Amino acid sequence: MSYEDNKIKVPRFNEASGFYTTKKRSGIMSKIKGKNTKPELIFRKALWQKGIRYRLKSSLPGKPDISIKKHKLVIFIDGEFWHGYNWNERKQTIKNNRRFWIPKIERNMQRDAEVNQTLKDLGFTVFRF
């Protein structure tokens, strides 16, 4: 991997580090799914109906949501908040635990760039939705 930027350090999210959360917020966050989300299911159904066959969660770097090795194509279906969509404007709206969330999301964006570059170096075309 030839990625040159220093990795962003994300603080641990716990009370010892000065971060607090309510039981209600904790319950909401625990329900966020990491796979088989609605956007993923809709996208996969559309591919299948067009006759495009694919693999899920392959062992490629970054574990893409969908991979089509025949065409050297990988697809990630990312959440807008978690992957920093429209980040320069959205960063200003974060009110709670800014010391945690801003580095967390910026590290996610940095990792996405690293994974994209690694996959491109392997000859894959990368799509992120």
N, C-alpha and C. Protein backbone atom coordinates (compact mmCIF):
# COMPACT_ATOMS: atom_id res chain seq x y z
N MET A 1 0.85 -1.17 0.00
CA MET A 1 0.00 0.00 0.00
C MET A 1 0.90 1.24 0.00
N SER A 2 0.57 2.21 -0.82
CA SER A 2 1.42 3.39 -0.95
C SER A 2 0.71 4.64 -0.42
N TYR A 3 -0.15 4.50 0.54
CA TYR A 3 -0.88 5.64 1.07
C TYR A 3 0.01 6.39 2.06
N GLU A 4 0.22 7.68 1.85
CA GLU A 4 1.24 8.43 2.57
C GLU A 4 0.73 9.20 3.79
N ASP A 5 -0.55 9.53 3.89
CA ASP A 5 -1.05 10.34 5.00
C ASP A 5 -0.92 9.62 6.32
N ASN A 6 -0.72 10.40 7.39
CA ASN A 6 -0.72 9.83 8.73
C ASN A 6 -2.13 9.43 9.10
N LYS A 7 -2.27 8.29 9.75
CA LYS A 7 -3.59 7.81 10.14
C LYS A 7 -4.16 8.70 11.24
N ILE A 8 -5.43 9.05 11.13
CA ILE A 8 -6.10 9.87 12.13
C ILE A 8 -6.35 9.00 13.36
N LYS A 9 -6.04 9.52 14.53
CA LYS A 9 -6.23 8.80 15.78
C LYS A 9 -7.62 9.12 16.32
N VAL A 10 -8.43 8.09 16.53
CA VAL A 10 -9.78 8.24 17.06
C VAL A 10 -9.76 7.86 18.53
N PRO A 11 -10.22 8.77 19.43
CA PRO A 11 -10.24 8.42 20.85
C PRO A 11 -11.26 7.34 21.15
N ARG A 12 -11.04 6.58 22.20
CA ARG A 12 -11.99 5.55 22.62
C ARG A 12 -13.25 6.23 23.12
N PHE A 13 -14.40 5.66 22.79
CA PHE A 13 -15.68 6.23 23.23
C PHE A 13 -16.08 5.54 24.52
N ASN A 14 -15.62 6.09 25.64
CA ASN A 14 -16.00 5.56 26.94
C ASN A 14 -15.96 6.70 27.96
N GLU A 15 -16.50 6.45 29.15
CA GLU A 15 -16.57 7.49 30.16
C GLU A 15 -15.19 7.92 30.63
N ALA A 16 -14.24 6.98 30.66
CA ALA A 16 -12.88 7.32 31.08
C ALA A 16 -12.25 8.36 30.16
N SER A 17 -12.65 8.39 28.89
CA SER A 17 -12.13 9.37 27.94
C SER A 17 -12.95 10.65 27.93
N GLY A 18 -14.00 10.71 28.77
CA GLY A 18 -14.82 11.92 28.86
C GLY A 18 -16.02 11.93 27.95
N PHE A 19 -16.42 10.78 27.40
CA PHE A 19 -17.58 10.71 26.53
C PHE A 19 -18.73 10.03 27.27
N TYR A 20 -19.90 10.65 27.22
CA TYR A 20 -21.05 10.11 27.92
C TYR A 20 -22.20 9.94 26.95
N THR A 21 -23.04 8.96 27.20
CA THR A 21 -24.20 8.72 26.37
C THR A 21 -25.35 8.23 27.24
N THR A 22 -26.57 8.49 26.79
CA THR A 22 -27.73 8.04 27.55
C THR A 22 -28.08 6.62 27.14
N LYS A 23 -28.88 5.95 27.96
CA LYS A 23 -29.32 4.59 27.62
C LYS A 23 -30.16 4.61 26.36
N LYS A 24 -30.97 5.64 26.18
CA LYS A 24 -31.81 5.74 24.98
C LYS A 24 -30.94 5.84 23.73
N ARG A 25 -29.93 6.73 23.75
CA ARG A 25 -29.04 6.90 22.60
C ARG A 25 -28.28 5.61 22.33
N SER A 26 -27.83 4.95 23.39
CA SER A 26 -27.11 3.69 23.24
C SER A 26 -27.99 2.65 22.56
N GLY A 27 -29.26 2.61 22.94
CA GLY A 27 -30.20 1.67 22.32
C GLY A 27 -30.41 1.96 20.84
N ILE A 28 -30.51 3.24 20.51
CA ILE A 28 -30.69 3.63 19.11
C ILE A 28 -29.47 3.22 18.29
N MET A 29 -28.27 3.53 18.80
CA MET A 29 -27.04 3.22 18.08
C MET A 29 -26.84 1.71 17.91
N SER A 30 -27.28 0.93 18.88
CA SER A 30 -27.09 -0.52 18.80
C SER A 30 -27.94 -1.16 17.70
N LYS A 31 -28.97 -0.45 17.25
CA LYS A 31 -29.86 -1.00 16.22
C LYS A 31 -29.38 -0.70 14.80
N ILE A 32 -28.30 0.06 14.65
CA ILE A 32 -27.78 0.37 13.32
C ILE A 32 -27.14 -0.89 12.76
N LYS A 33 -27.64 -1.32 11.59
CA LYS A 33 -27.17 -2.55 10.98
C LYS A 33 -25.94 -2.30 10.11
N GLY A 34 -25.10 -3.33 10.00
CA GLY A 34 -23.92 -3.21 9.18
C GLY A 34 -24.02 -3.96 7.87
N LYS A 35 -25.03 -4.81 7.73
CA LYS A 35 -25.19 -5.55 6.47
C LYS A 35 -26.67 -5.76 6.21
N ASN A 36 -26.98 -6.04 4.96
CA ASN A 36 -28.36 -6.23 4.52
C ASN A 36 -29.24 -5.03 4.87
N THR A 37 -28.70 -3.84 4.66
CA THR A 37 -29.48 -2.63 4.88
C THR A 37 -30.45 -2.45 3.71
N LYS A 38 -31.44 -1.59 3.89
CA LYS A 38 -32.42 -1.36 2.82
C LYS A 38 -31.77 -0.93 1.51
N PRO A 39 -30.85 0.04 1.53
CA PRO A 39 -30.22 0.42 0.26
C PRO A 39 -29.48 -0.74 -0.40
N GLU A 40 -28.79 -1.58 0.40
CA GLU A 40 -28.09 -2.73 -0.16
C GLU A 40 -29.07 -3.70 -0.80
N LEU A 41 -30.16 -4.00 -0.10
CA LEU A 41 -31.14 -4.96 -0.63
C LEU A 41 -31.77 -4.46 -1.92
N ILE A 42 -32.10 -3.18 -1.97
CA ILE A 42 -32.70 -2.60 -3.19
C ILE A 42 -31.71 -2.69 -4.34
N PHE A 43 -30.46 -2.33 -4.08
CA PHE A 43 -29.42 -2.36 -5.12
C PHE A 43 -29.20 -3.78 -5.62
N ARG A 44 -29.07 -4.73 -4.69
CA ARG A 44 -28.84 -6.12 -5.08
C ARG A 44 -30.02 -6.69 -5.86
N LYS A 45 -31.22 -6.34 -5.46
CA LYS A 45 -32.41 -6.83 -6.18
C LYS A 45 -32.42 -6.30 -7.62
N ALA A 46 -32.04 -5.03 -7.79
CA ALA A 46 -32.00 -4.45 -9.14
C ALA A 46 -30.94 -5.15 -9.99
N LEU A 47 -29.76 -5.42 -9.42
CA LEU A 47 -28.73 -6.13 -10.17
C LEU A 47 -29.21 -7.52 -10.59
N TRP A 48 -29.82 -8.22 -9.64
CA TRP A 48 -30.28 -9.59 -9.91
C TRP A 48 -31.34 -9.60 -11.01
N GLN A 49 -32.27 -8.63 -10.98
CA GLN A 49 -33.32 -8.56 -12.00
C GLN A 49 -32.74 -8.28 -13.39
N LYS A 50 -31.60 -7.59 -13.44
CA LYS A 50 -30.94 -7.33 -14.73
C LYS A 50 -30.06 -8.50 -15.17
N GLY A 51 -30.02 -9.55 -14.37
CA GLY A 51 -29.24 -10.74 -14.73
C GLY A 51 -27.77 -10.63 -14.36
N ILE A 52 -27.43 -9.68 -13.52
CA ILE A 52 -26.03 -9.50 -13.10
C ILE A 52 -25.81 -10.30 -11.82
N ARG A 53 -24.89 -11.25 -11.88
CA ARG A 53 -24.61 -12.10 -10.72
C ARG A 53 -23.39 -11.55 -9.99
N TYR A 54 -23.40 -11.67 -8.68
CA TYR A 54 -22.39 -11.02 -7.86
C TYR A 54 -22.09 -11.85 -6.62
N ARG A 55 -21.10 -11.45 -5.88
CA ARG A 55 -20.74 -12.05 -4.60
C ARG A 55 -20.92 -11.00 -3.51
N LEU A 56 -21.29 -11.45 -2.32
CA LEU A 56 -21.44 -10.57 -1.17
C LEU A 56 -20.25 -10.68 -0.25
N LYS A 57 -19.87 -9.57 0.36
CA LYS A 57 -18.86 -9.55 1.43
C LYS A 57 -17.65 -10.42 1.10
N SER A 58 -17.05 -10.19 -0.04
CA SER A 58 -15.90 -11.00 -0.44
C SER A 58 -14.70 -10.68 0.45
N SER A 59 -13.65 -11.44 0.30
CA SER A 59 -12.46 -11.27 1.13
C SER A 59 -11.49 -10.23 0.56
N LEU A 60 -11.95 -9.41 -0.36
CA LEU A 60 -11.10 -8.35 -0.91
C LEU A 60 -10.86 -7.27 0.15
N PRO A 61 -9.84 -6.46 0.00
CA PRO A 61 -9.59 -5.38 0.96
C PRO A 61 -10.81 -4.48 1.11
N GLY A 62 -11.14 -4.14 2.34
CA GLY A 62 -12.29 -3.28 2.60
C GLY A 62 -13.61 -4.01 2.67
N LYS A 63 -13.62 -5.30 2.34
CA LYS A 63 -14.82 -6.14 2.33
C LYS A 63 -16.00 -5.44 1.63
N PRO A 64 -15.90 -5.30 0.31
CA PRO A 64 -16.96 -4.61 -0.42
C PRO A 64 -18.30 -5.31 -0.25
N ASP A 65 -19.37 -4.51 -0.31
CA ASP A 65 -20.72 -5.05 -0.17
C ASP A 65 -21.04 -6.01 -1.32
N ILE A 66 -20.61 -5.64 -2.51
CA ILE A 66 -20.87 -6.45 -3.71
C ILE A 66 -19.60 -6.50 -4.54
N SER A 67 -19.27 -7.69 -5.04
CA SER A 67 -18.12 -7.79 -5.94
C SER A 67 -18.51 -8.64 -7.15
N ILE A 68 -18.02 -8.21 -8.29
CA ILE A 68 -18.22 -8.93 -9.54
C ILE A 68 -16.82 -9.17 -10.10
N LYS A 69 -16.24 -10.30 -9.72
CA LYS A 69 -14.84 -10.57 -10.06
C LYS A 69 -14.64 -10.73 -11.57
N LYS A 70 -15.66 -11.22 -12.27
CA LYS A 70 -15.57 -11.40 -13.72
C LYS A 70 -15.22 -10.09 -14.41
N HIS A 71 -15.75 -8.99 -13.90
CA HIS A 71 -15.51 -7.67 -14.48
C HIS A 71 -14.57 -6.82 -13.63
N LYS A 72 -13.98 -7.43 -12.58
CA LYS A 72 -13.08 -6.73 -11.65
C LYS A 72 -13.73 -5.44 -11.16
N LEU A 73 -14.91 -5.59 -10.58
CA LEU A 73 -15.73 -4.48 -10.12
C LEU A 73 -16.13 -4.71 -8.67
N VAL A 74 -15.98 -3.69 -7.84
CA VAL A 74 -16.44 -3.77 -6.45
C VAL A 74 -17.35 -2.59 -6.16
N ILE A 75 -18.36 -2.84 -5.32
CA ILE A 75 -19.35 -1.82 -5.01
C ILE A 75 -19.51 -1.73 -3.50
N PHE A 76 -19.43 -0.51 -2.99
CA PHE A 76 -19.68 -0.23 -1.58
C PHE A 76 -20.94 0.61 -1.50
N ILE A 77 -21.83 0.28 -0.59
CA ILE A 77 -23.03 1.07 -0.36
C ILE A 77 -22.91 1.62 1.05
N ASP A 78 -22.44 2.87 1.14
CA ASP A 78 -22.07 3.48 2.41
C ASP A 78 -23.17 4.40 2.93
N GLY A 79 -23.22 4.52 4.25
CA GLY A 79 -24.12 5.47 4.88
C GLY A 79 -23.56 6.88 4.75
N GLU A 80 -24.44 7.87 4.52
CA GLU A 80 -23.98 9.24 4.31
C GLU A 80 -23.25 9.78 5.52
N PHE A 81 -23.79 9.59 6.71
CA PHE A 81 -23.17 10.14 7.92
C PHE A 81 -21.84 9.48 8.21
N TRP A 82 -21.81 8.15 8.19
CA TRP A 82 -20.63 7.40 8.62
C TRP A 82 -19.44 7.58 7.70
N HIS A 83 -19.70 7.92 6.43
CA HIS A 83 -18.61 8.03 5.46
C HIS A 83 -18.40 9.45 4.98
N GLY A 84 -18.99 10.43 5.69
CA GLY A 84 -18.68 11.83 5.49
C GLY A 84 -19.22 12.48 4.23
N TYR A 85 -20.40 12.06 3.78
CA TYR A 85 -20.99 12.71 2.62
C TYR A 85 -21.28 14.17 2.96
N ASN A 86 -20.86 15.10 2.10
CA ASN A 86 -21.07 16.52 2.30
C ASN A 86 -20.47 16.96 3.64
N TRP A 87 -19.27 16.48 3.92
CA TRP A 87 -18.67 16.57 5.24
C TRP A 87 -18.40 18.00 5.70
N ASN A 88 -17.92 18.88 4.83
CA ASN A 88 -17.58 20.24 5.25
C ASN A 88 -18.78 20.97 5.84
N GLU A 89 -19.96 20.75 5.30
CA GLU A 89 -21.17 21.37 5.86
C GLU A 89 -21.68 20.59 7.06
N ARG A 90 -21.65 19.27 6.98
CA ARG A 90 -22.21 18.44 8.04
C ARG A 90 -21.40 18.48 9.33
N LYS A 91 -20.10 18.66 9.20
CA LYS A 91 -19.23 18.68 10.38
C LYS A 91 -19.67 19.76 11.36
N GLN A 92 -20.15 20.88 10.83
CA GLN A 92 -20.58 21.99 11.69
C GLN A 92 -21.84 21.67 12.47
N THR A 93 -22.63 20.71 12.03
CA THR A 93 -23.90 20.40 12.70
C THR A 93 -23.75 19.42 13.86
N ILE A 94 -22.59 18.80 14.01
CA ILE A 94 -22.39 17.85 15.11
C ILE A 94 -22.26 18.65 16.40
N LYS A 95 -23.15 18.37 17.34
CA LYS A 95 -23.19 19.14 18.59
C LYS A 95 -22.60 18.38 19.77
N ASN A 96 -22.85 17.08 19.86
CA ASN A 96 -22.41 16.29 21.01
C ASN A 96 -21.19 15.44 20.68
N ASN A 97 -20.29 15.33 21.64
CA ASN A 97 -19.12 14.46 21.52
C ASN A 97 -18.31 14.73 20.25
N ARG A 98 -18.13 16.00 19.93
CA ARG A 98 -17.39 16.39 18.72
C ARG A 98 -15.97 15.85 18.72
N ARG A 99 -15.34 15.77 19.90
CA ARG A 99 -13.96 15.28 19.98
C ARG A 99 -13.86 13.83 19.54
N PHE A 100 -14.96 13.09 19.61
CA PHE A 100 -14.97 11.69 19.14
C PHE A 100 -15.44 11.61 17.69
N TRP A 101 -16.60 12.21 17.37
CA TRP A 101 -17.25 11.98 16.08
C TRP A 101 -16.47 12.56 14.91
N ILE A 102 -15.89 13.72 15.07
CA ILE A 102 -15.17 14.31 13.93
C ILE A 102 -13.97 13.45 13.54
N PRO A 103 -13.07 13.07 14.48
CA PRO A 103 -11.98 12.17 14.06
C PRO A 103 -12.47 10.82 13.58
N LYS A 104 -13.57 10.31 14.17
CA LYS A 104 -14.10 9.00 13.77
C LYS A 104 -14.51 9.02 12.30
N ILE A 105 -15.27 10.02 11.91
CA ILE A 105 -15.77 10.08 10.53
C ILE A 105 -14.63 10.42 9.57
N GLU A 106 -13.73 11.30 9.99
CA GLU A 106 -12.60 11.62 9.11
C GLU A 106 -11.69 10.41 8.93
N ARG A 107 -11.55 9.58 9.94
CA ARG A 107 -10.77 8.34 9.79
C ARG A 107 -11.49 7.38 8.84
N ASN A 108 -12.83 7.30 8.94
CA ASN A 108 -13.58 6.46 8.00
C ASN A 108 -13.33 6.92 6.56
N MET A 109 -13.34 8.24 6.34
CA MET A 109 -13.11 8.77 5.00
C MET A 109 -11.68 8.45 4.54
N GLN A 110 -10.73 8.56 5.45
CA GLN A 110 -9.34 8.25 5.12
C GLN A 110 -9.20 6.77 4.78
N ARG A 111 -9.85 5.90 5.56
CA ARG A 111 -9.78 4.45 5.30
C ARG A 111 -10.43 4.13 3.96
N ASP A 112 -11.53 4.80 3.63
CA ASP A 112 -12.17 4.59 2.32
C ASP A 112 -11.20 4.90 1.18
N ALA A 113 -10.45 6.00 1.33
CA ALA A 113 -9.49 6.37 0.29
C ALA A 113 -8.37 5.33 0.18
N GLU A 114 -7.92 4.83 1.33
CA GLU A 114 -6.87 3.79 1.33
C GLU A 114 -7.37 2.52 0.64
N VAL A 115 -8.58 2.11 0.97
CA VAL A 115 -9.15 0.89 0.38
C VAL A 115 -9.35 1.07 -1.12
N ASN A 116 -9.87 2.25 -1.52
CA ASN A 116 -10.05 2.52 -2.95
C ASN A 116 -8.74 2.38 -3.70
N GLN A 117 -7.68 2.96 -3.15
CA GLN A 117 -6.38 2.91 -3.81
C GLN A 117 -5.85 1.48 -3.89
N THR A 118 -5.99 0.73 -2.81
CA THR A 118 -5.53 -0.66 -2.80
C THR A 118 -6.26 -1.49 -3.86
N LEU A 119 -7.58 -1.31 -3.94
CA LEU A 119 -8.37 -2.07 -4.92
C LEU A 119 -8.00 -1.64 -6.35
N LYS A 120 -7.78 -0.36 -6.56
CA LYS A 120 -7.38 0.12 -7.89
C LYS A 120 -6.03 -0.46 -8.27
N ASP A 121 -5.12 -0.55 -7.29
CA ASP A 121 -3.81 -1.15 -7.55
C ASP A 121 -3.93 -2.62 -7.94
N LEU A 122 -4.98 -3.30 -7.46
CA LEU A 122 -5.23 -4.70 -7.81
C LEU A 122 -5.99 -4.83 -9.13
N GLY A 123 -6.33 -3.69 -9.74
CA GLY A 123 -6.99 -3.72 -11.05
C GLY A 123 -8.50 -3.67 -10.99
N PHE A 124 -9.09 -3.35 -9.84
CA PHE A 124 -10.53 -3.30 -9.71
C PHE A 124 -11.05 -1.89 -9.96
N THR A 125 -12.27 -1.79 -10.45
CA THR A 125 -12.99 -0.53 -10.55
C THR A 125 -13.84 -0.44 -9.29
N VAL A 126 -13.83 0.70 -8.62
CA VAL A 126 -14.51 0.87 -7.34
C VAL A 126 -15.66 1.86 -7.51
N PHE A 127 -16.84 1.45 -7.03
CA PHE A 127 -18.01 2.34 -6.97
C PHE A 127 -18.43 2.47 -5.53
N ARG A 128 -18.74 3.68 -5.11
CA ARG A 128 -19.27 3.93 -3.76
C ARG A 128 -20.57 4.70 -3.91
N PHE A 129 -21.61 4.16 -3.31
CA PHE A 129 -22.93 4.80 -3.32
C PHE A 129 -23.33 5.12 -1.90
